[in-house]
Amino acid sequence: MLDDIFDLVYLIGFGAASAIRLLWLRRTDHWWRRREMVALNRERRQDRPLMLLTAAGMIVVPFLYLFTTRLDFADYTLPPTLSLVAGSLGAALFLQALILLWRSHADLAKSFSPGLQIRKGHLLVTTGVYERIRHPMYAAHLLWATAQLLLLQNAIAGPAFLVASLPLYAARIPREEEMMLDQFGEEYRRYSERTGRVVPRWRG
């Protein structure tokens, strides 16, 4: 149940992340629903079960933990100092996730799509956070998932988002890279050589 300060921190972070996503969905023209505007579409029906699994780990399981007693059997208690360290690190990571989530939407602006689709006239964005990594939204979600693990002291709810999302990202990111390469060719290939997928590439 919602009985810990770090549970509350998680809930606030979840609300803020959801607000960011909804805001940018509202600001974006719904061109992805208009078939004539779509130049490339790499969505697959097989993605839906993975999306549902991710949503369960992101929303359903944590909310069961926070607002019911159904997952209380999986609760654990860390020593006070370790709990403070884990919770504080989780809060810091969630804040970083929110900043990265906002910047990745703002830098894409009208090029944002919630699916694996490219519209006609789509531009390759390589500035802002995209100057260092190609998939900052996925990076933000992984930070969020790690924060959830640290903030929620429950053996099921804590790791749920991280465990549930990895199959989706493993399947989706390579296909998105292939789509971008098909659309932008050598320009995207050169961009890929100087950037990391979800972590900035080390420049030695």
C-alpha atoms as a PDB file:
ATOM      1  CA  MET A   1       0.000   0.000   0.000  1.00  0.00           C
ATOM      2  CA  LEU A   2       0.964   3.666  -0.323  1.00  0.00           C
ATOM      3  CA  ASP A   3       2.731   3.936   3.034  1.00  0.00           C
ATOM      4  CA  ASP A   4       6.251   5.176   2.319  1.00  0.00           C
ATOM      5  CA  ILE A   5       7.695   8.536   1.262  1.00  0.00           C
ATOM      6  CA  PHE A   6       9.410   6.914  -1.707  1.00  0.00           C
ATOM      7  CA  ASP A   7       6.107   5.379  -2.805  1.00  0.00           C
ATOM      8  CA  LEU A   8       4.806   8.936  -2.957  1.00  0.00           C
ATOM      9  CA  VAL A   9       7.884  10.097  -4.864  1.00  0.00           C
ATOM     10  CA  TYR A  10       7.262   7.361  -7.406  1.00  0.00           C
ATOM     11  CA  LEU A  11       3.608   8.344  -7.774  1.00  0.00           C
ATOM     12  CA  ILE A  12       4.524  12.002  -8.326  1.00  0.00           C
ATOM     13  CA  GLY A  13       7.117  10.990 -10.926  1.00  0.00           C
ATOM     14  CA  PHE A  14       4.611   8.751 -12.681  1.00  0.00           C
ATOM     15  CA  GLY A  15       2.098  11.585 -12.831  1.00  0.00           C
ATOM     16  CA  ALA A  16       4.683  14.014 -14.205  1.00  0.00           C
ATOM     17  CA  ALA A  17       5.872  11.537 -16.866  1.00  0.00           C
ATOM     18  CA  SER A  18       2.288  10.819 -17.935  1.00  0.00           C
ATOM     19  CA  ALA A  19       1.567  14.554 -18.172  1.00  0.00           C
ATOM     20  CA  ILE A  20       4.617  15.093 -20.402  1.00  0.00           C
ATOM     21  CA  ARG A  21       3.532  12.333 -22.767  1.00  0.00           C
ATOM     22  CA  LEU A  22      -0.076  13.528 -22.937  1.00  0.00           C
ATOM     23  CA  LEU A  23       0.994  17.124 -23.526  1.00  0.00           C
ATOM     24  CA  TRP A  24       3.133  16.220 -26.518  1.00  0.00           C
ATOM     25  CA  LEU A  25       0.504  13.896 -27.918  1.00  0.00           C
ATOM     26  CA  ARG A  26      -1.941  16.803 -27.819  1.00  0.00           C
ATOM     27  CA  ARG A  27       0.577  19.152 -29.441  1.00  0.00           C
ATOM     28  CA  THR A  28       1.333  16.764 -32.283  1.00  0.00           C
ATOM     29  CA  ASP A  29      -0.888  16.660 -35.354  1.00  0.00           C
ATOM     30  CA  HIS A  30      -2.566  13.288 -35.618  1.00  0.00           C
ATOM     31  CA  TRP A  31      -0.924  12.607 -38.951  1.00  0.00           C
ATOM     32  CA  TRP A  32      -0.091   9.008 -37.936  1.00  0.00           C
ATOM     33  CA  ARG A  33      -3.811   8.235 -38.200  1.00  0.00           C
ATOM     34  CA  ARG A  34      -3.926   9.501 -41.784  1.00  0.00           C
ATOM     35  CA  ARG A  35      -2.602   6.829 -44.118  1.00  0.00           C
ATOM     36  CA  GLU A  36      -1.858   9.260 -46.909  1.00  0.00           C
ATOM     37  CA  MET A  37       0.661  11.061 -44.662  1.00  0.00           C
ATOM     38  CA  VAL A  38       2.642   7.916 -43.785  1.00  0.00           C
ATOM     39  CA  ALA A  39       5.766   7.245 -45.838  1.00  0.00           C
ATOM     40  CA  LEU A  40       6.976   4.188 -43.890  1.00  0.00           C
ATOM     41  CA  ASN A  41       5.129   1.985 -41.413  1.00  0.00           C
ATOM     42  CA  ARG A  42       6.965  -0.737 -39.484  1.00  0.00           C
ATOM     43  CA  GLU A  43       4.276  -1.450 -36.889  1.00  0.00           C
ATOM     44  CA  ARG A  44       3.454  -5.130 -36.441  1.00  0.00           C
ATOM     45  CA  ARG A  45       0.602  -6.934 -34.746  1.00  0.00           C
ATOM     46  CA  GLN A  46       3.179  -8.882 -32.752  1.00  0.00           C
ATOM     47  CA  ASP A  47       4.101  -5.617 -31.013  1.00  0.00           C
ATOM     48  CA  ARG A  48       0.754  -5.406 -29.237  1.00  0.00           C
ATOM     49  CA  PRO A  49       1.348  -8.185 -26.678  1.00  0.00           C
ATOM     50  CA  LEU A  50       4.752  -6.661 -25.882  1.00  0.00           C
ATOM     51  CA  MET A  51       3.167  -3.210 -25.511  1.00  0.00           C
ATOM     52  CA  LEU A  52       0.536  -4.651 -23.164  1.00  0.00           C
ATOM     53  CA  LEU A  53       3.229  -6.410 -21.151  1.00  0.00           C
ATOM     54  CA  THR A  54       5.153  -3.150 -20.835  1.00  0.00           C
ATOM     55  CA  ALA A  55       2.011  -1.266 -19.794  1.00  0.00           C
ATOM     56  CA  ALA A  56       1.384  -3.895 -17.124  1.00  0.00           C
ATOM     57  CA  GLY A  57       4.878  -3.425 -15.714  1.00  0.00           C
ATOM     58  CA  MET A  58       4.660   0.360 -15.952  1.00  0.00           C
ATOM     59  CA  ILE A  59       1.112   0.924 -14.692  1.00  0.00           C
ATOM     60  CA  VAL A  60      -0.910  -2.096 -13.571  1.00  0.00           C
ATOM     61  CA  VAL A  61       1.555  -3.844 -11.257  1.00  0.00           C
ATOM     62  CA  PRO A  62       2.856  -0.695  -9.501  1.00  0.00           C
ATOM     63  CA  PHE A  63      -0.684   0.541  -8.945  1.00  0.00           C
ATOM     64  CA  LEU A  64      -1.724  -2.822  -7.503  1.00  0.00           C
ATOM     65  CA  TYR A  65       1.164  -2.448  -5.081  1.00  0.00           C
ATOM     66  CA  LEU A  66       0.438   1.188  -4.238  1.00  0.00           C
ATOM     67  CA  PHE A  67      -3.338   1.033  -3.826  1.00  0.00           C
ATOM     68  CA  THR A  68      -4.186  -2.542  -2.840  1.00  0.00           C
ATOM     69  CA  THR A  69      -2.815  -5.202  -0.501  1.00  0.00           C
ATOM     70  CA  ARG A  70      -2.564  -7.900  -3.174  1.00  0.00           C
ATOM     71  CA  LEU A  71       1.211  -7.675  -3.514  1.00  0.00           C
ATOM     72  CA  ASP A  72       2.012  -7.171   0.175  1.00  0.00           C
ATOM     73  CA  PHE A  73       3.395 -10.718   0.360  1.00  0.00           C
ATOM     74  CA  ALA A  74       6.297  -9.562  -1.859  1.00  0.00           C
ATOM     75  CA  ASP A  75       7.208  -6.519   0.264  1.00  0.00           C
ATOM     76  CA  TYR A  76      10.695  -6.324   1.710  1.00  0.00           C
ATOM     77  CA  THR A  77      12.370  -3.895   4.102  1.00  0.00           C
ATOM     78  CA  LEU A  78      15.884  -2.580   3.629  1.00  0.00           C
ATOM     79  CA  PRO A  79      18.022  -1.305   6.520  1.00  0.00           C
ATOM     80  CA  PRO A  80      17.228   2.407   7.105  1.00  0.00           C
ATOM     81  CA  THR A  81      20.489   3.744   5.648  1.00  0.00           C
ATOM     82  CA  LEU A  82      20.359   1.499   2.600  1.00  0.00           C
ATOM     83  CA  SER A  83      16.682   2.338   2.085  1.00  0.00           C
ATOM     84  CA  LEU A  84      17.492   6.056   2.153  1.00  0.00           C
ATOM     85  CA  VAL A  85      20.344   5.630  -0.333  1.00  0.00           C
ATOM     86  CA  ALA A  86      18.253   3.483  -2.700  1.00  0.00           C
ATOM     87  CA  GLY A  87      15.253   5.794  -2.496  1.00  0.00           C
ATOM     88  CA  SER A  88      17.317   8.945  -2.989  1.00  0.00           C
ATOM     89  CA  LEU A  89      19.072   7.435  -6.003  1.00  0.00           C
ATOM     90  CA  GLY A  90      15.711   6.336  -7.377  1.00  0.00           C
ATOM     91  CA  ALA A  91      14.319   9.855  -6.984  1.00  0.00           C
ATOM     92  CA  ALA A  92      17.363  11.340  -8.735  1.00  0.00           C
ATOM     93  CA  LEU A  93      17.053   8.861 -11.611  1.00  0.00           C
ATOM     94  CA  PHE A  94      13.338   9.568 -11.980  1.00  0.00           C
ATOM     95  CA  LEU A  95      14.062  13.302 -12.155  1.00  0.00           C
ATOM     96  CA  GLN A  96      16.656  12.650 -14.853  1.00  0.00           C
ATOM     97  CA  ALA A  97      14.123  10.467 -16.693  1.00  0.00           C
ATOM     98  CA  LEU A  98      11.577  13.291 -16.641  1.00  0.00           C
ATOM     99  CA  ILE A  99      14.088  15.813 -17.973  1.00  0.00           C
ATOM    100  CA  LEU A 100      15.184  13.457 -20.740  1.00  0.00           C
ATOM    101  CA  LEU A 101      11.593  12.547 -21.595  1.00  0.00           C
ATOM    102  CA  TRP A 102      10.680  16.223 -21.956  1.00  0.00           C
ATOM    103  CA  ARG A 103      13.767  17.103 -23.994  1.00  0.00           C
ATOM    104  CA  SER A 104      13.369  14.131 -26.343  1.00  0.00           C
ATOM    105  CA  HIS A 105       9.797  15.205 -27.166  1.00  0.00           C
ATOM    106  CA  ALA A 106      10.658  18.902 -27.415  1.00  0.00           C
ATOM    107  CA  ASP A 107      13.662  18.329 -29.686  1.00  0.00           C
ATOM    108  CA  LEU A 108      11.618  16.122 -32.021  1.00  0.00           C
ATOM    109  CA  ALA A 109       8.689  18.563 -32.060  1.00  0.00           C
ATOM    110  CA  LYS A 110       6.569  17.805 -35.151  1.00  0.00           C
ATOM    111  CA  SER A 111       8.719  14.813 -36.047  1.00  0.00           C
ATOM    112  CA  PHE A 112       7.412  12.937 -32.999  1.00  0.00           C
ATOM    113  CA  SER A 113       5.427   9.771 -33.639  1.00  0.00           C
ATOM    114  CA  PRO A 114       4.124   7.370 -30.979  1.00  0.00           C
ATOM    115  CA  GLY A 115       4.560   4.436 -33.355  1.00  0.00           C
ATOM    116  CA  LEU A 116       7.087   3.038 -35.809  1.00  0.00           C
ATOM    117  CA  GLN A 117       6.008   5.333 -38.607  1.00  0.00           C
ATOM    118  CA  ILE A 118       7.596   8.075 -40.684  1.00  0.00           C
ATOM    119  CA  ARG A 119       5.470  10.741 -42.288  1.00  0.00           C
ATOM    120  CA  LYS A 120       6.061  12.328 -45.665  1.00  0.00           C
ATOM    121  CA  GLY A 121       8.473  15.229 -45.330  1.00  0.00           C
ATOM    122  CA  HIS A 122       9.829  13.817 -42.068  1.00  0.00           C
ATOM    123  CA  LEU A 123      13.185  15.325 -41.038  1.00  0.00           C
ATOM    124  CA  LEU A 124      16.054  13.527 -39.340  1.00  0.00           C
ATOM    125  CA  VAL A 125      16.609  15.251 -35.975  1.00  0.00           C
ATOM    126  CA  THR A 126      20.240  15.199 -34.828  1.00  0.00           C
ATOM    127  CA  THR A 127      20.300  18.164 -32.439  1.00  0.00           C
ATOM    128  CA  GLY A 128      19.584  18.582 -28.734  1.00  0.00           C
ATOM    129  CA  VAL A 129      19.612  15.257 -26.872  1.00  0.00           C
ATOM    130  CA  TYR A 130      19.652  13.503 -30.259  1.00  0.00           C
ATOM    131  CA  GLU A 131      23.160  14.819 -30.810  1.00  0.00           C
ATOM    132  CA  ARG A 132      24.493  12.160 -28.413  1.00  0.00           C
ATOM    133  CA  ILE A 133      21.950   9.317 -28.470  1.00  0.00           C
ATOM    134  CA  ARG A 134      19.505   8.097 -31.104  1.00  0.00           C
ATOM    135  CA  HIS A 135      16.741   6.851 -28.796  1.00  0.00           C
ATOM    136  CA  PRO A 136      16.505   9.169 -25.765  1.00  0.00           C
ATOM    137  CA  MET A 137      12.841   8.264 -25.126  1.00  0.00           C
ATOM    138  CA  TYR A 138      13.802   4.643 -24.611  1.00  0.00           C
ATOM    139  CA  ALA A 139      16.680   5.812 -22.416  1.00  0.00           C
ATOM    140  CA  ALA A 140      14.217   7.878 -20.365  1.00  0.00           C
ATOM    141  CA  HIS A 141      11.955   4.863 -19.923  1.00  0.00           C
ATOM    142  CA  LEU A 142      14.881   2.712 -18.805  1.00  0.00           C
ATOM    143  CA  LEU A 143      15.828   5.365 -16.239  1.00  0.00           C
ATOM    144  CA  TRP A 144      12.191   5.412 -15.120  1.00  0.00           C
ATOM    145  CA  ALA A 145      12.172   1.619 -14.832  1.00  0.00           C
ATOM    146  CA  THR A 146      15.381   1.653 -12.780  1.00  0.00           C
ATOM    147  CA  ALA A 147      13.939   4.359 -10.547  1.00  0.00           C
ATOM    148  CA  GLN A 148      10.844   2.216 -10.011  1.00  0.00           C
ATOM    149  CA  LEU A 149      13.070  -0.682  -8.948  1.00  0.00           C
ATOM    150  CA  LEU A 150      14.802   1.510  -6.367  1.00  0.00           C
ATOM    151  CA  LEU A 151      11.738   3.368  -5.071  1.00  0.00           C
ATOM    152  CA  LEU A 152       9.225   0.538  -4.649  1.00  0.00           C
ATOM    153  CA  GLN A 153      10.355  -1.960  -2.015  1.00  0.00           C
ATOM    154  CA  ASN A 154       8.411  -4.856  -3.455  1.00  0.00           C
ATOM    155  CA  ALA A 155       9.966  -7.833  -5.228  1.00  0.00           C
ATOM    156  CA  ILE A 156       7.263  -7.804  -7.926  1.00  0.00           C
ATOM    157  CA  ALA A 157       6.302  -4.145  -8.397  1.00  0.00           C
ATOM    158  CA  GLY A 158       9.871  -2.830  -8.195  1.00  0.00           C
ATOM    159  CA  PRO A 159      11.390  -4.652 -11.181  1.00  0.00           C
ATOM    160  CA  ALA A 160       8.109  -5.035 -13.109  1.00  0.00           C
ATOM    161  CA  PHE A 161       8.636  -2.196 -15.612  1.00  0.00           C
ATOM    162  CA  LEU A 162      12.281  -3.057 -16.261  1.00  0.00           C
ATOM    163  CA  VAL A 163      11.604  -6.758 -16.811  1.00  0.00           C
ATOM    164  CA  ALA A 164       8.464  -6.167 -18.891  1.00  0.00           C
ATOM    165  CA  SER A 165       9.962  -3.499 -21.163  1.00  0.00           C
ATOM    166  CA  LEU A 166      13.202  -5.183 -22.188  1.00  0.00           C
ATOM    167  CA  PRO A 167      11.579  -7.633 -24.681  1.00  0.00           C
ATOM    168  CA  LEU A 168       9.749  -4.745 -26.354  1.00  0.00           C
ATOM    169  CA  TYR A 169      12.853  -2.599 -26.710  1.00  0.00           C
ATOM    170  CA  ALA A 170      14.951  -5.550 -27.893  1.00  0.00           C
ATOM    171  CA  ALA A 171      12.436  -6.146 -30.693  1.00  0.00           C
ATOM    172  CA  ARG A 172      11.554  -2.535 -31.461  1.00  0.00           C
ATOM    173  CA  ILE A 173      14.835  -0.611 -31.500  1.00  0.00           C
ATOM    174  CA  PRO A 174      16.551  -2.618 -34.289  1.00  0.00           C
ATOM    175  CA  ARG A 175      13.421  -2.327 -36.441  1.00  0.00           C
ATOM    176  CA  GLU A 176      13.278   1.414 -35.830  1.00  0.00           C
ATOM    177  CA  GLU A 177      16.939   1.722 -36.803  1.00  0.00           C
ATOM    178  CA  GLU A 178      16.257  -0.227 -40.006  1.00  0.00           C
ATOM    179  CA  MET A 179      13.311   2.043 -40.800  1.00  0.00           C
ATOM    180  CA  MET A 180      15.410   5.178 -40.322  1.00  0.00           C
ATOM    181  CA  LEU A 181      18.190   3.736 -42.462  1.00  0.00           C
ATOM    182  CA  ASP A 182      15.721   2.936 -45.231  1.00  0.00           C
ATOM    183  CA  GLN A 183      14.349   6.468 -45.087  1.00  0.00           C
ATOM    184  CA  PHE A 184      17.514   8.525 -44.642  1.00  0.00           C
ATOM    185  CA  GLY A 185      20.208   6.220 -46.021  1.00  0.00           C
ATOM    186  CA  GLU A 186      23.802   7.384 -45.718  1.00  0.00           C
ATOM    187  CA  GLU A 187      22.830  10.398 -43.609  1.00  0.00           C
ATOM    188  CA  TYR A 188      21.485   8.091 -40.910  1.00  0.00           C
ATOM    189  CA  ARG A 189      24.412   5.709 -41.247  1.00  0.00           C
ATOM    190  CA  ARG A 190      26.868   8.540 -40.546  1.00  0.00           C
ATOM    191  CA  TYR A 191      24.687   9.746 -37.672  1.00  0.00           C
ATOM    192  CA  SER A 192      24.699   6.223 -36.193  1.00  0.00           C
ATOM    193  CA  GLU A 193      28.473   6.055 -36.347  1.00  0.00           C
ATOM    194  CA  ARG A 194      28.890   9.046 -34.042  1.00  0.00           C
ATOM    195  CA  THR A 195      26.066   8.384 -31.574  1.00  0.00           C
ATOM    196  CA  GLY A 196      24.967   5.671 -29.159  1.00  0.00           C
ATOM    197  CA  ARG A 197      21.596   3.940 -29.201  1.00  0.00           C
ATOM    198  CA  VAL A 198      20.431   4.645 -25.640  1.00  0.00           C
ATOM    199  CA  VAL A 199      23.750   5.536 -23.981  1.00  0.00           C
ATOM    200  CA  PRO A 200      26.096   8.248 -25.321  1.00  0.00           C
ATOM    201  CA  ARG A 201      29.008   6.795 -27.250  1.00  0.00           C
ATOM    202  CA  TRP A 202      32.358   7.130 -25.541  1.00  0.00           C
ATOM    203  CA  ARG A 203      34.603   9.538 -27.384  1.00  0.00           C
ATOM    204  CA  GLY A 204      38.121   8.543 -26.490  1.00  0.00           C
END
